[in-house]
Amino acid sequence: MLFENFKLLLRLLWRPASAMSEILDQGSLLFASLAVLAVSLFLQSSLRQVIQPAPVAIQHPQSAEADQGEPSIPVRPVRPRWSFSFYSPLLVLAAVYVPGTLLVTSLIGRLGGFGVVFQRDYSSLLTCTSMAWAAVNLPLALVATAVPLPVLAAVAALAYLYFAVLMFFAVRTVLGTENGVTAASIGLSVIPLAAAVFFWAPLRFILGYLASPFFLFYAFYYLRGEFTNIGSGLRSRQNFRRMLEISAVNPHDAEAQYQLGLIYQQRRQYSEAIQRFKNAVAINQAETDAHFQLGRIAREQGRLKDALTHFQTVLDQDEKHNLSEILREIGATYLAARQYEDARRELADYIERRPYDTEGLFYYGQALENLNRAEEAREAYSRSVESARTAPQYRRRYTARWSRLAQKQLRKLGRKS
């Protein structure tokens, strides 16, 4: 287990996306925390060798003649302002950066209540973040004593830029957010860190107090139940994945293959997702859900002919599949293929069945706009915006994107009129 986690840590340096996924499935929060502590201690030691502050000497305040013959009193070196305790990075990650990133992402991506997101994803994101921090700082600590200080500063800048890249994959893998939302979240996640730097003096005192063995012992004694719950999100994910892998050993269990495919699809690992969905279809040709997801992935990847083939299979098996969303997906595929009349026909049928679907109304407006039916397109966009505004709270995360796009098209049509 220790060796496997160490391999995952190193793999972050050249295969970050797949490594983050495997950390989510097999990673250990304990190993990740110990890795941060070990690398922090190593980095601290390396930096002390690079920057050695000069000792300060105090002379007796006597006459000039006395000063010439009186030796100075050596004083221990002043601790440089850049220094840090080896446990500070872990505490900052756990108490500031990861909660701040979860808060920013939940607000931008509209993931729901912060309490729910925190309980579900905190331990998973902390594990991935800690592994990422250790991965980028380990090479930095290794080269710290071998290069001049200006070169070291440049290497450090590149290392923390790559840390931002690793965090992009971490947030996308753990929370399943879109690329734009993920990038915005990583950019804004520096705000909690900036606040921590601004309040570093009192924060350092508090973190030092929290790290004292006396406090940690009693905190664990009285709050061990809460500490146990911190890791429940990661354990639940890993246990669910483990059970699915065990079920997938059964050559006749198409559902297990389908569920594994959904996990990979949510993490944007489309090659693995496609393989799992194809496995499900190979086991059971009537696995309609797998055909549906294969069609959606093909449409996102621009393989429109393959998408229509899979969607036609779904339509043949169940024309009302997934609350008739199959019609919306076919219409969106025709729209991407610029077959606007075919798209309008499919989407009109869908809107008749589900008149308040925000995404479907947006696609319908797109088809009408490209057919030069501006007034009807404006009406469809307006209905899309209104549908998003009146949607239940738990649907807002999904409908917000289509509402923004519909408002953009309304403004565009307004300028043309």
Protein backbone atom coordinates (compact mmCIF):
# COMPACT_ATOMS: atom_id res chain seq x y z
CA MET A 1 0.00 0.00 0.00
CA LEU A 2 2.81 2.41 0.91
CA PHE A 3 4.73 1.67 -2.29
CA GLU A 4 1.60 1.99 -4.44
CA ASN A 5 0.78 5.40 -2.97
CA PHE A 6 4.37 6.56 -3.54
CA LYS A 7 4.14 5.48 -7.19
CA LEU A 8 0.92 7.46 -7.55
CA LEU A 9 2.63 10.50 -6.07
CA LEU A 10 5.45 10.30 -8.63
CA ARG A 11 3.02 9.59 -11.46
CA LEU A 12 1.44 12.99 -10.86
CA LEU A 13 4.55 14.48 -12.46
CA TRP A 14 3.84 13.04 -15.92
CA ARG A 15 0.29 11.58 -15.97
CA PRO A 16 -1.74 13.87 -13.71
CA ALA A 17 -5.25 13.04 -14.92
CA SER A 18 -5.01 9.27 -14.55
CA ALA A 19 -2.97 9.60 -11.35
CA MET A 20 -5.65 11.76 -9.72
CA SER A 21 -8.28 9.20 -10.63
CA GLU A 22 -6.26 6.39 -9.11
CA ILE A 23 -5.57 8.45 -5.98
CA LEU A 24 -9.31 8.85 -5.61
CA ASP A 25 -9.74 5.07 -5.92
CA GLN A 26 -6.72 3.83 -3.96
CA GLY A 27 -5.10 6.80 -2.22
CA SER A 28 -4.63 7.11 1.53
CA LEU A 29 -5.23 10.35 3.40
CA LEU A 30 -2.75 9.22 6.06
CA PHE A 31 -0.02 8.63 3.45
CA ALA A 32 -0.77 11.96 1.76
CA SER A 33 -0.51 13.81 5.09
CA LEU A 34 2.74 12.09 6.03
CA ALA A 35 4.11 12.83 2.55
CA VAL A 36 3.43 16.55 3.03
CA LEU A 37 5.14 16.50 6.44
CA ALA A 38 8.17 14.60 5.13
CA VAL A 39 8.60 16.79 2.04
CA SER A 40 8.08 19.94 4.13
CA LEU A 41 10.83 18.87 6.52
CA PHE A 42 13.15 18.05 3.61
CA LEU A 43 12.35 21.37 1.88
CA GLN A 44 12.91 23.30 5.10
CA SER A 45 16.31 21.67 5.58
CA SER A 46 17.32 22.37 1.98
CA LEU A 47 16.32 26.01 2.14
CA ARG A 48 18.27 26.55 5.34
CA GLN A 49 21.40 25.40 3.54
CA VAL A 50 20.75 27.80 0.67
CA ILE A 51 20.01 30.86 2.78
CA GLN A 52 22.13 31.13 5.89
CA PRO A 53 21.43 34.37 7.75
CA ALA A 54 24.50 36.11 9.15
CA PRO A 55 24.85 36.07 12.94
CA VAL A 56 24.13 39.33 14.70
CA ALA A 57 26.76 40.72 17.09
CA ILE A 58 26.15 43.26 19.85
CA GLN A 59 29.00 45.44 21.16
CA HIS A 60 29.22 47.03 24.58
CA PRO A 61 28.07 50.64 24.48
CA GLN A 62 31.33 52.03 25.89
CA SER A 63 33.83 54.62 24.79
CA ALA A 64 35.56 54.42 21.44
CA GLU A 65 38.78 53.25 23.12
CA ALA A 66 36.93 50.52 24.98
CA ASP A 67 35.11 49.49 21.85
CA GLN A 68 38.39 48.86 20.08
CA GLY A 69 39.56 46.35 22.62
CA GLU A 70 36.25 44.88 23.76
CA PRO A 71 35.12 41.78 21.88
CA SER A 72 31.58 41.68 20.53
CA ILE A 73 28.98 39.37 22.04
CA PRO A 74 27.77 36.81 19.47
CA VAL A 75 24.04 36.32 19.29
CA ARG A 76 22.29 33.35 17.71
CA PRO A 77 21.27 33.93 14.07
CA VAL A 78 18.01 35.68 13.47
CA ARG A 79 15.41 33.36 12.05
CA PRO A 80 14.74 34.42 8.43
CA ARG A 81 11.28 35.68 7.63
CA TRP A 82 10.81 33.06 4.90
CA SER A 83 11.18 30.17 7.35
CA PHE A 84 8.25 27.95 8.28
CA SER A 85 7.51 25.08 10.59
CA PHE A 86 7.49 21.75 8.81
CA TYR A 87 3.86 21.12 9.76
CA SER A 88 2.61 24.52 8.53
CA PRO A 89 1.99 23.50 4.88
CA LEU A 90 -0.23 20.59 5.92
CA LEU A 91 -2.21 22.75 8.31
CA VAL A 92 -2.63 25.48 5.69
CA LEU A 93 -3.80 22.96 3.10
CA ALA A 94 -6.21 21.28 5.52
CA ALA A 95 -7.56 24.36 7.30
CA VAL A 96 -7.42 27.06 4.60
CA TYR A 97 -6.76 26.00 1.03
CA VAL A 98 -8.95 22.91 0.61
CA PRO A 99 -12.01 24.34 2.43
CA GLY A 100 -11.55 27.58 0.48
CA THR A 101 -11.36 25.72 -2.83
CA LEU A 102 -14.49 23.73 -1.98
CA LEU A 103 -16.34 26.92 -1.08
CA VAL A 104 -15.30 28.75 -4.26
CA THR A 105 -16.12 25.77 -6.48
CA SER A 106 -19.48 25.15 -4.84
CA LEU A 107 -20.41 28.81 -5.40
CA ILE A 108 -19.23 29.01 -9.01
CA GLY A 109 -20.45 25.57 -10.02
CA ARG A 110 -23.60 25.77 -7.88
CA LEU A 111 -22.94 22.37 -6.38
CA GLY A 112 -25.42 22.82 -3.53
CA GLY A 113 -25.00 23.59 0.14
CA PHE A 114 -21.41 23.98 1.29
CA GLY A 115 -22.00 21.69 4.28
CA VAL A 116 -23.06 18.82 2.03
CA VAL A 117 -20.18 19.41 -0.39
CA PHE A 118 -17.69 19.62 2.49
CA GLN A 119 -18.85 16.41 4.14
CA ARG A 120 -18.87 14.52 0.85
CA ASP A 121 -15.70 15.78 -0.83
CA TYR A 122 -13.36 17.28 1.78
CA SER A 123 -11.31 14.16 2.52
CA SER A 124 -11.09 13.24 -1.17
CA LEU A 125 -9.91 16.70 -2.23
CA LEU A 126 -7.51 16.98 0.73
CA THR A 127 -5.91 13.66 -0.25
CA CYS A 128 -5.47 14.73 -3.88
CA THR A 129 -4.25 18.21 -2.87
CA SER A 130 -1.72 16.87 -0.37
CA MET A 131 -0.34 14.42 -2.92
CA ALA A 132 -0.09 17.24 -5.48
CA TRP A 133 1.74 19.52 -3.03
CA ALA A 134 4.21 16.78 -2.10
CA ALA A 135 4.75 15.89 -5.77
CA VAL A 136 5.74 19.42 -6.85
CA ASN A 137 7.84 20.22 -3.78
CA LEU A 138 9.86 17.00 -3.73
CA PRO A 139 11.87 17.91 -6.88
CA LEU A 140 12.18 21.47 -5.56
CA ALA A 141 13.73 20.22 -2.33
CA LEU A 142 16.10 17.96 -4.29
CA VAL A 143 17.50 20.76 -6.47
CA ALA A 144 17.48 23.47 -3.77
CA THR A 145 21.09 22.93 -2.75
CA ALA A 146 22.40 22.36 -6.27
CA VAL A 147 21.38 25.55 -8.09
CA PRO A 148 21.91 29.29 -7.46
CA LEU A 149 19.20 31.20 -5.66
CA PRO A 150 17.82 33.00 -8.78
CA VAL A 151 17.51 29.66 -10.58
CA LEU A 152 15.84 28.17 -7.53
CA ALA A 153 13.29 31.00 -7.55
CA ALA A 154 12.48 30.28 -11.20
CA VAL A 155 12.16 26.56 -10.51
CA ALA A 156 9.85 27.31 -7.57
CA ALA A 157 7.64 29.48 -9.79
CA LEU A 158 7.35 26.67 -12.34
CA ALA A 159 6.68 24.13 -9.60
CA TYR A 160 3.77 26.08 -8.15
CA LEU A 161 2.42 26.77 -11.62
CA TYR A 162 2.36 23.01 -12.12
CA PHE A 163 0.68 22.69 -8.72
CA ALA A 164 -2.17 24.79 -10.16
CA VAL A 165 -2.35 22.35 -13.09
CA LEU A 166 -2.52 19.41 -10.70
CA MET A 167 -5.26 21.15 -8.72
CA PHE A 168 -7.22 21.59 -11.94
CA PHE A 169 -7.24 17.82 -12.40
CA ALA A 170 -7.91 17.26 -8.69
CA VAL A 171 -10.99 19.49 -8.58
CA ARG A 172 -12.32 18.17 -11.89
CA THR A 173 -11.83 14.56 -10.80
CA VAL A 174 -13.28 14.91 -7.30
CA LEU A 175 -16.16 17.30 -8.02
CA GLY A 176 -16.86 16.47 -11.66
CA THR A 177 -17.06 20.15 -12.68
CA GLU A 178 -16.72 21.43 -16.23
CA ASN A 179 -13.39 22.73 -17.45
CA GLY A 180 -14.40 26.39 -17.35
CA VAL A 181 -15.80 26.16 -13.81
CA THR A 182 -12.73 24.23 -12.68
CA ALA A 183 -10.28 26.75 -14.14
CA ALA A 184 -12.17 29.66 -12.56
CA SER A 185 -12.21 27.89 -9.20
CA ILE A 186 -8.46 27.28 -9.26
CA GLY A 187 -7.86 30.90 -10.18
CA LEU A 188 -10.03 32.19 -7.34
CA SER A 189 -8.77 29.67 -4.80
CA VAL A 190 -5.78 31.95 -4.19
CA ILE A 191 -8.11 34.31 -2.33
CA PRO A 192 -8.19 32.17 0.85
CA LEU A 193 -4.40 31.82 0.61
CA ALA A 194 -4.00 35.58 0.23
CA ALA A 195 -6.17 36.07 3.29
CA ALA A 196 -4.03 33.55 5.17
CA VAL A 197 -0.86 35.46 4.20
CA PHE A 198 -2.41 38.75 5.32
CA PHE A 199 -3.36 37.29 8.69
CA TRP A 200 -0.26 35.08 8.91
CA ALA A 201 0.98 36.35 12.28
CA PRO A 202 -2.15 35.43 14.30
CA LEU A 203 -2.79 32.43 12.06
CA ARG A 204 0.71 31.10 12.66
CA PHE A 205 0.17 31.37 16.40
CA ILE A 206 -3.15 29.51 16.13
CA LEU A 207 -1.73 26.81 13.86
CA GLY A 208 1.22 26.33 16.19
CA TYR A 209 -1.16 25.92 19.11
CA LEU A 210 -3.30 23.47 17.16
CA ALA A 211 -0.19 21.44 16.30
CA SER A 212 0.93 21.05 19.91
CA PRO A 213 0.93 17.40 21.08
CA PHE A 214 -1.10 18.33 24.17
CA PHE A 215 -3.90 19.87 22.12
CA LEU A 216 -3.85 17.15 19.47
CA PHE A 217 -4.16 14.41 22.09
CA TYR A 218 -7.21 15.92 23.76
CA ALA A 219 -8.76 16.98 20.45
CA PHE A 220 -8.48 13.44 19.17
CA TYR A 221 -9.73 11.99 22.46
CA TYR A 222 -12.88 14.12 22.58
CA LEU A 223 -13.47 14.56 18.83
CA ARG A 224 -12.30 11.23 17.45
CA GLY A 225 -15.78 10.57 16.06
CA GLU A 226 -15.64 13.79 14.05
CA PHE A 227 -12.09 13.02 12.85
CA THR A 228 -13.32 9.61 11.70
CA ASN A 229 -16.14 11.24 9.74
CA ILE A 230 -13.66 13.48 7.91
CA GLY A 231 -12.40 10.50 5.95
CA SER A 232 -15.82 8.97 5.37
CA GLY A 233 -16.29 10.60 1.96
CA LEU A 234 -13.09 9.10 0.57
CA ARG A 235 -13.77 5.70 2.14
CA SER A 236 -17.29 5.63 0.72
CA ARG A 237 -16.01 6.37 -2.77
CA GLN A 238 -13.33 3.71 -2.53
CA ASN A 239 -15.64 1.08 -1.06
CA PHE A 240 -18.23 1.69 -3.77
CA ARG A 241 -15.58 1.46 -6.48
CA ARG A 242 -14.17 -1.72 -4.91
CA MET A 243 -17.58 -3.39 -4.87
CA LEU A 244 -18.16 -2.45 -8.50
CA GLU A 245 -14.79 -3.92 -9.51
CA ILE A 246 -15.68 -7.14 -7.70
CA SER A 247 -19.06 -7.24 -9.44
CA ALA A 248 -17.44 -6.54 -12.82
CA VAL A 249 -15.53 -9.82 -12.53
CA ASN A 250 -18.86 -11.51 -13.27
CA PRO A 251 -18.94 -11.80 -17.09
CA HIS A 252 -22.74 -11.49 -17.05
CA ASP A 253 -23.06 -8.33 -14.94
CA ALA A 254 -23.64 -5.51 -17.43
CA GLU A 255 -24.86 -3.12 -14.73
CA ALA A 256 -21.50 -3.14 -12.91
CA GLN A 257 -19.71 -2.26 -16.14
CA TYR A 258 -22.21 0.52 -16.76
CA GLN A 259 -21.76 2.01 -13.28
CA LEU A 260 -17.97 1.95 -13.64
CA GLY A 261 -18.39 3.72 -16.96
CA LEU A 262 -20.40 6.46 -15.27
CA ILE A 263 -17.59 6.98 -12.73
CA TYR A 264 -15.01 7.41 -15.50
CA GLN A 265 -17.37 9.66 -17.48
CA GLN A 266 -17.88 11.91 -14.47
CA ARG A 267 -14.08 12.23 -14.17
CA ARG A 268 -13.76 13.11 -17.89
CA GLN A 269 -11.78 9.91 -18.57
CA TYR A 270 -13.64 9.13 -21.74
CA SER A 271 -11.46 6.31 -23.08
CA GLU A 272 -12.03 4.22 -19.96
CA ALA A 273 -15.71 5.18 -19.87
CA ILE A 274 -16.23 4.13 -23.50
CA GLN A 275 -14.57 0.78 -22.84
CA ARG A 276 -16.80 0.10 -19.82
CA PHE A 277 -19.96 1.06 -21.72
CA LYS A 278 -18.93 -1.15 -24.64
CA ASN A 279 -18.36 -3.99 -22.19
CA ALA A 280 -21.89 -3.51 -20.87
CA VAL A 281 -23.32 -3.55 -24.40
CA ALA A 282 -21.29 -6.66 -25.27
CA ILE A 283 -22.78 -8.44 -22.25
CA ASN A 284 -26.31 -7.23 -22.92
CA GLN A 285 -27.33 -5.58 -26.20
CA ALA A 286 -30.47 -4.32 -24.47
CA GLU A 287 -28.40 -2.18 -22.07
CA THR A 288 -30.09 0.99 -23.30
CA ASP A 289 -28.40 3.29 -20.79
CA ALA A 290 -24.95 2.27 -22.04
CA HIS A 291 -25.92 3.04 -25.65
CA PHE A 292 -27.27 6.40 -24.49
CA GLN A 293 -24.01 7.36 -22.75
CA LEU A 294 -21.91 6.15 -25.68
CA GLY A 295 -23.96 8.45 -27.89
CA ARG A 296 -23.47 11.40 -25.55
CA ILE A 297 -19.70 10.91 -25.40
CA ALA A 298 -19.51 10.54 -29.19
CA ARG A 299 -21.45 13.81 -29.62
CA GLU A 300 -19.13 15.64 -27.20
CA GLN A 301 -16.12 14.32 -29.10
CA GLY A 302 -17.54 15.38 -32.46
CA ARG A 303 -18.16 11.84 -33.74
CA LEU A 304 -21.66 12.74 -34.85
CA LYS A 305 -22.29 9.71 -37.06
CA ASP A 306 -21.41 7.33 -34.21
CA ALA A 307 -23.58 9.37 -31.86
CA LEU A 308 -26.62 9.09 -34.13
CA THR A 309 -26.05 5.35 -34.48
CA HIS A 310 -26.11 4.85 -30.72
CA PHE A 311 -29.08 7.19 -30.29
CA GLN A 312 -31.02 5.35 -32.96
CA THR A 313 -30.43 2.12 -31.06
CA VAL A 314 -31.80 3.75 -27.93
CA LEU A 315 -34.80 5.07 -29.85
CA ASP A 316 -35.52 1.61 -31.25
CA GLN A 317 -35.40 0.09 -27.77
CA ASP A 318 -37.29 2.82 -25.89
CA GLU A 319 -38.46 6.04 -27.57
CA LYS A 320 -39.20 7.59 -24.16
CA HIS A 321 -35.83 6.68 -22.67
CA ASN A 322 -34.66 8.85 -19.77
CA LEU A 323 -37.86 10.92 -19.75
CA SER A 324 -37.62 11.39 -23.53
CA GLU A 325 -34.18 13.02 -23.29
CA ILE A 326 -33.15 10.81 -26.18
CA LEU A 327 -35.05 13.21 -28.46
CA ARG A 328 -33.13 16.16 -27.04
CA GLU A 329 -29.80 14.40 -27.60
CA ILE A 330 -30.71 13.52 -31.20
CA GLY A 331 -31.79 17.12 -31.80
CA ALA A 332 -28.52 18.45 -30.34
CA THR A 333 -26.56 16.07 -32.57
CA TYR A 334 -28.41 17.25 -35.69
CA LEU A 335 -27.76 20.81 -34.54
CA ALA A 336 -24.00 20.10 -34.32
CA ALA A 337 -24.19 18.56 -37.81
CA ARG A 338 -25.95 21.73 -39.09
CA GLN A 339 -29.01 19.77 -40.08
CA TYR A 340 -31.22 22.47 -38.62
CA GLU A 341 -34.59 21.31 -39.89
CA ASP A 342 -34.01 17.78 -38.55
CA ALA A 343 -32.90 19.30 -35.26
CA ARG A 344 -36.00 21.52 -35.09
CA ARG A 345 -38.29 18.56 -35.72
CA GLU A 346 -36.76 16.38 -32.98
CA LEU A 347 -36.55 19.24 -30.48
CA ALA A 348 -40.13 20.34 -31.17
CA ASP A 349 -41.30 16.82 -30.24
CA TYR A 350 -39.17 16.94 -27.12
CA ILE A 351 -40.41 20.38 -26.02
CA GLU A 352 -43.98 19.19 -26.51
CA ARG A 353 -43.29 16.39 -24.02
CA ARG A 354 -41.14 18.44 -21.61
CA PRO A 355 -41.98 22.12 -22.10
CA TYR A 356 -39.87 23.37 -19.17
CA ASP A 357 -36.51 21.75 -19.91
CA THR A 358 -33.93 24.57 -19.93
CA GLU A 359 -31.38 22.79 -22.11
CA GLY A 360 -33.95 21.56 -24.61
CA LEU A 361 -35.44 25.04 -24.98
CA PHE A 362 -31.99 26.50 -25.63
CA TYR A 363 -31.26 23.92 -28.34
CA TYR A 364 -34.69 24.56 -29.84
CA GLY A 365 -33.94 28.27 -29.95
CA GLN A 366 -30.62 27.52 -31.68
CA ALA A 367 -32.35 25.48 -34.38
CA LEU A 368 -34.95 28.19 -34.97
CA GLU A 369 -32.33 30.94 -35.06
CA ASN A 370 -30.32 29.10 -37.70
CA LEU A 371 -33.51 28.68 -39.74
CA ASN A 372 -33.92 32.51 -39.64
CA ARG A 373 -37.03 32.30 -37.45
CA ALA A 374 -35.84 34.99 -35.07
CA GLU A 375 -39.10 35.71 -33.23
CA GLU A 376 -39.69 32.04 -32.45
CA ALA A 377 -36.06 31.67 -31.39
CA ARG A 378 -36.41 34.67 -29.05
CA GLU A 379 -39.45 33.09 -27.48
CA ALA A 380 -37.62 29.77 -26.96
CA TYR A 381 -34.65 31.52 -25.34
CA SER A 382 -36.94 33.52 -23.05
CA ARG A 383 -38.69 30.33 -21.98
CA SER A 384 -35.29 28.76 -21.28
CA VAL A 385 -34.29 31.66 -19.01
CA GLU A 386 -37.63 31.58 -17.21
CA SER A 387 -37.43 27.82 -16.75
CA ALA A 388 -34.00 28.15 -15.13
CA ARG A 389 -35.23 30.96 -12.87
CA THR A 390 -38.13 28.88 -11.55
CA ALA A 391 -36.23 25.58 -11.31
CA PRO A 392 -35.89 23.88 -7.89
CA GLN A 393 -32.75 24.71 -5.94
CA TYR A 394 -31.13 21.32 -6.53
CA ARG A 395 -31.47 21.86 -10.31
CA ARG A 396 -29.87 25.30 -10.38
CA ARG A 397 -26.36 23.91 -10.82
CA TYR A 398 -27.42 22.25 -14.06
CA THR A 399 -29.76 24.90 -15.47
CA ALA A 400 -27.50 27.92 -14.81
CA ARG A 401 -25.26 27.20 -17.79
CA TRP A 402 -28.12 27.02 -20.30
CA SER A 403 -29.75 30.10 -18.83
CA ARG A 404 -26.54 32.11 -19.34
CA LEU A 405 -26.24 30.90 -22.93
CA ALA A 406 -29.89 31.72 -23.64
CA GLN A 407 -29.47 35.25 -22.22
CA LYS A 408 -26.40 35.74 -24.41
CA GLN A 409 -28.38 34.75 -27.52
CA LEU A 410 -31.24 37.04 -26.51
CA ARG A 411 -28.84 39.98 -26.32
CA LYS A 412 -27.42 39.01 -29.70
CA LEU A 413 -30.88 38.90 -31.29
CA GLY A 414 -31.73 42.21 -29.62
CA ARG A 415 -28.75 43.92 -31.28
CA LYS A 416 -29.78 42.54 -34.68
CA SER A 417 -33.35 43.81 -34.42
